[in-house]
C-alpha cells in the first residue's frame, strides 16, 4: 500500500476548513463547547477521542 501524500494533504486541509468554519460561524458556541469539556476527566476525553477515531476509521474503510 502506497502512501498518497497529496490525498493526505487534501484530507488535512479539509479538516482545517471544517474546523475553521465552525469557529467562524459559531465562535460563542465553540467557546461554550470547549468550556464544557474542562471539568471532564481525562479518561472520558480519551474515550471520546478513541470513539471518534474508530468512527473515522470506519468511514474511511467504507469509502
N, C-alpha and C. Protein backbone atom coordinates (compact mmCIF):
# COMPACT_ATOMS: atom_id res chain seq x y z
N UNK A 1 0.84 -1.18 0.00
CA UNK A 1 0.00 0.00 0.00
C UNK A 1 0.89 1.24 0.00
N UNK A 2 0.70 2.10 -0.97
CA UNK A 2 1.48 3.33 -1.08
C UNK A 2 0.80 4.46 -0.34
N UNK A 3 1.61 5.30 0.27
CA UNK A 3 1.09 6.46 0.97
C UNK A 3 0.88 7.57 -0.04
N UNK A 4 -0.34 8.03 -0.18
CA UNK A 4 -0.68 9.11 -1.10
C UNK A 4 -0.60 10.43 -0.35
N UNK A 5 0.52 11.12 -0.48
CA UNK A 5 0.74 12.35 0.26
C UNK A 5 -0.22 13.45 -0.17
N UNK A 6 -0.54 13.51 -1.45
CA UNK A 6 -1.50 14.51 -1.93
C UNK A 6 -2.86 14.32 -1.29
N UNK A 7 -3.32 13.09 -1.21
CA UNK A 7 -4.61 12.80 -0.58
C UNK A 7 -4.57 13.15 0.90
N UNK A 8 -3.45 12.85 1.55
CA UNK A 8 -3.30 13.19 2.96
C UNK A 8 -3.40 14.69 3.18
N UNK A 9 -2.73 15.47 2.33
CA UNK A 9 -2.78 16.92 2.47
C UNK A 9 -4.18 17.45 2.20
N UNK A 10 -4.89 16.87 1.25
CA UNK A 10 -6.27 17.28 0.99
C UNK A 10 -7.16 17.00 2.20
N UNK A 11 -7.01 15.81 2.78
CA UNK A 11 -7.82 15.45 3.95
C UNK A 11 -7.49 16.36 5.13
N UNK A 12 -6.23 16.64 5.34
CA UNK A 12 -5.83 17.54 6.42
C UNK A 12 -6.37 18.94 6.17
N UNK A 13 -6.28 19.40 4.94
CA UNK A 13 -6.82 20.71 4.60
C UNK A 13 -8.32 20.78 4.81
N UNK A 14 -9.04 19.72 4.46
CA UNK A 14 -10.48 19.69 4.67
C UNK A 14 -10.82 19.74 6.15
N UNK A 15 -10.04 19.04 6.97
CA UNK A 15 -10.25 19.08 8.41
C UNK A 15 -10.07 20.50 8.94
N UNK A 16 -9.05 21.20 8.45
CA UNK A 16 -8.83 22.59 8.87
C UNK A 16 -9.96 23.50 8.40
N UNK A 17 -10.46 23.28 7.19
CA UNK A 17 -11.56 24.09 6.68
C UNK A 17 -12.81 23.90 7.54
N UNK A 18 -13.14 22.66 7.86
CA UNK A 18 -14.32 22.39 8.67
C UNK A 18 -14.17 22.98 10.07
N UNK A 19 -13.00 22.81 10.65
CA UNK A 19 -12.75 23.38 11.98
C UNK A 19 -12.84 24.90 11.94
N UNK A 20 -12.23 25.51 10.95
CA UNK A 20 -12.27 26.96 10.83
C UNK A 20 -13.68 27.47 10.57
N UNK A 21 -14.46 26.72 9.80
CA UNK A 21 -15.83 27.11 9.53
C UNK A 21 -16.66 27.14 10.81
N UNK A 22 -16.47 26.14 11.64
CA UNK A 22 -17.18 26.11 12.92
C UNK A 22 -16.83 27.32 13.77
N UNK A 23 -15.55 27.66 13.84
CA UNK A 23 -15.12 28.80 14.64
C UNK A 23 -15.59 30.11 14.03
N UNK A 24 -15.64 30.19 12.69
CA UNK A 24 -16.07 31.43 12.05
C UNK A 24 -17.57 31.66 12.19
N UNK A 25 -18.35 30.59 12.09
CA UNK A 25 -19.80 30.73 12.12
C UNK A 25 -20.37 30.76 13.54
N UNK A 26 -19.76 30.00 14.46
CA UNK A 26 -20.31 29.86 15.81
C UNK A 26 -19.23 30.05 16.87
N UNK A 27 -18.59 31.21 16.95
CA UNK A 27 -17.49 31.37 17.92
C UNK A 27 -17.96 31.22 19.37
N UNK A 28 -19.13 31.74 19.68
CA UNK A 28 -19.61 31.62 21.07
C UNK A 28 -19.96 30.18 21.41
N UNK A 29 -20.57 29.50 20.47
CA UNK A 29 -20.92 28.10 20.69
C UNK A 29 -19.69 27.22 20.84
N UNK A 30 -18.66 27.50 20.04
CA UNK A 30 -17.42 26.72 20.15
C UNK A 30 -16.74 26.98 21.49
N UNK A 31 -16.78 28.23 21.94
CA UNK A 31 -16.19 28.57 23.24
C UNK A 31 -16.92 27.84 24.36
N UNK A 32 -18.28 27.84 24.28
CA UNK A 32 -19.07 27.13 25.30
C UNK A 32 -18.77 25.63 25.27
N UNK A 33 -18.62 25.08 24.07
CA UNK A 33 -18.32 23.65 23.95
C UNK A 33 -16.98 23.33 24.60
N UNK A 34 -15.97 24.16 24.35
CA UNK A 34 -14.66 23.92 24.95
C UNK A 34 -14.70 24.08 26.46
N UNK A 35 -15.42 25.07 26.94
CA UNK A 35 -15.51 25.27 28.39
C UNK A 35 -16.24 24.11 29.07
N UNK A 36 -17.20 23.50 28.37
CA UNK A 36 -17.92 22.38 28.95
C UNK A 36 -17.04 21.13 29.05
N UNK A 37 -15.94 21.10 28.28
CA UNK A 37 -15.03 19.95 28.33
C UNK A 37 -14.04 20.03 29.47
N UNK A 38 -13.79 21.22 29.98
CA UNK A 38 -12.77 21.40 31.02
C UNK A 38 -13.01 20.55 32.27
N UNK A 39 -14.23 20.46 32.80
CA UNK A 39 -14.40 19.68 34.03
C UNK A 39 -14.38 18.15 33.83
N UNK A 40 -14.41 17.69 32.59
CA UNK A 40 -14.44 16.25 32.35
C UNK A 40 -13.09 15.62 32.67
N UNK A 41 -13.09 14.40 33.20
CA UNK A 41 -11.82 13.73 33.49
C UNK A 41 -11.12 13.32 32.19
N UNK A 42 -9.81 13.19 32.27
CA UNK A 42 -9.02 12.84 31.09
C UNK A 42 -9.45 11.49 30.51
N UNK A 43 -9.84 10.56 31.36
CA UNK A 43 -10.23 9.23 30.86
C UNK A 43 -11.46 9.32 29.96
N UNK A 44 -12.37 10.20 30.30
CA UNK A 44 -13.58 10.35 29.49
C UNK A 44 -13.26 11.03 28.15
N UNK A 45 -12.39 12.02 28.19
CA UNK A 45 -11.96 12.68 26.96
C UNK A 45 -11.20 11.71 26.06
N UNK A 46 -10.37 10.87 26.67
CA UNK A 46 -9.62 9.88 25.91
C UNK A 46 -10.57 8.89 25.24
N UNK A 47 -11.59 8.46 25.97
CA UNK A 47 -12.57 7.54 25.42
C UNK A 47 -13.33 8.18 24.26
N UNK A 48 -13.68 9.46 24.39
CA UNK A 48 -14.35 10.16 23.30
C UNK A 48 -13.44 10.28 22.08
N UNK A 49 -12.16 10.54 22.32
CA UNK A 49 -11.20 10.60 21.21
C UNK A 49 -11.05 9.28 20.51
N UNK A 50 -10.98 8.20 21.28
CA UNK A 50 -10.87 6.87 20.68
C UNK A 50 -12.13 6.51 19.89
N UNK A 51 -13.28 6.90 20.40
CA UNK A 51 -14.54 6.64 19.69
C UNK A 51 -14.56 7.42 18.38
N UNK A 52 -14.12 8.68 18.40
CA UNK A 52 -14.09 9.48 17.18
C UNK A 52 -13.12 8.88 16.17
N UNK A 53 -11.98 8.39 16.65
CA UNK A 53 -11.03 7.74 15.75
C UNK A 53 -11.64 6.49 15.14
N UNK A 54 -12.34 5.71 15.94
CA UNK A 54 -12.97 4.49 15.43
C UNK A 54 -14.02 4.80 14.37
N UNK A 55 -14.83 5.82 14.62
CA UNK A 55 -15.84 6.21 13.63
C UNK A 55 -15.17 6.70 12.35
N UNK A 56 -14.12 7.48 12.50
CA UNK A 56 -13.37 7.96 11.33
C UNK A 56 -12.77 6.83 10.52
N UNK A 57 -12.17 5.86 11.21
CA UNK A 57 -11.60 4.71 10.50
C UNK A 57 -12.67 3.88 9.81
N UNK A 58 -13.80 3.75 10.46
CA UNK A 58 -14.93 3.03 9.84
C UNK A 58 -15.40 3.75 8.58
N UNK A 59 -15.50 5.07 8.65
CA UNK A 59 -15.92 5.85 7.48
C UNK A 59 -14.90 5.72 6.34
N UNK A 60 -13.62 5.74 6.70
CA UNK A 60 -12.57 5.58 5.68
C UNK A 60 -12.65 4.19 5.06
N UNK A 61 -12.86 3.19 5.90
CA UNK A 61 -12.96 1.83 5.39
C UNK A 61 -14.16 1.61 4.48
N UNK A 62 -15.25 2.33 4.74
CA UNK A 62 -16.44 2.18 3.91
C UNK A 62 -16.33 2.96 2.59
N UNK A 63 -15.42 3.94 2.57
CA UNK A 63 -15.30 4.79 1.37
C UNK A 63 -14.55 4.09 0.24
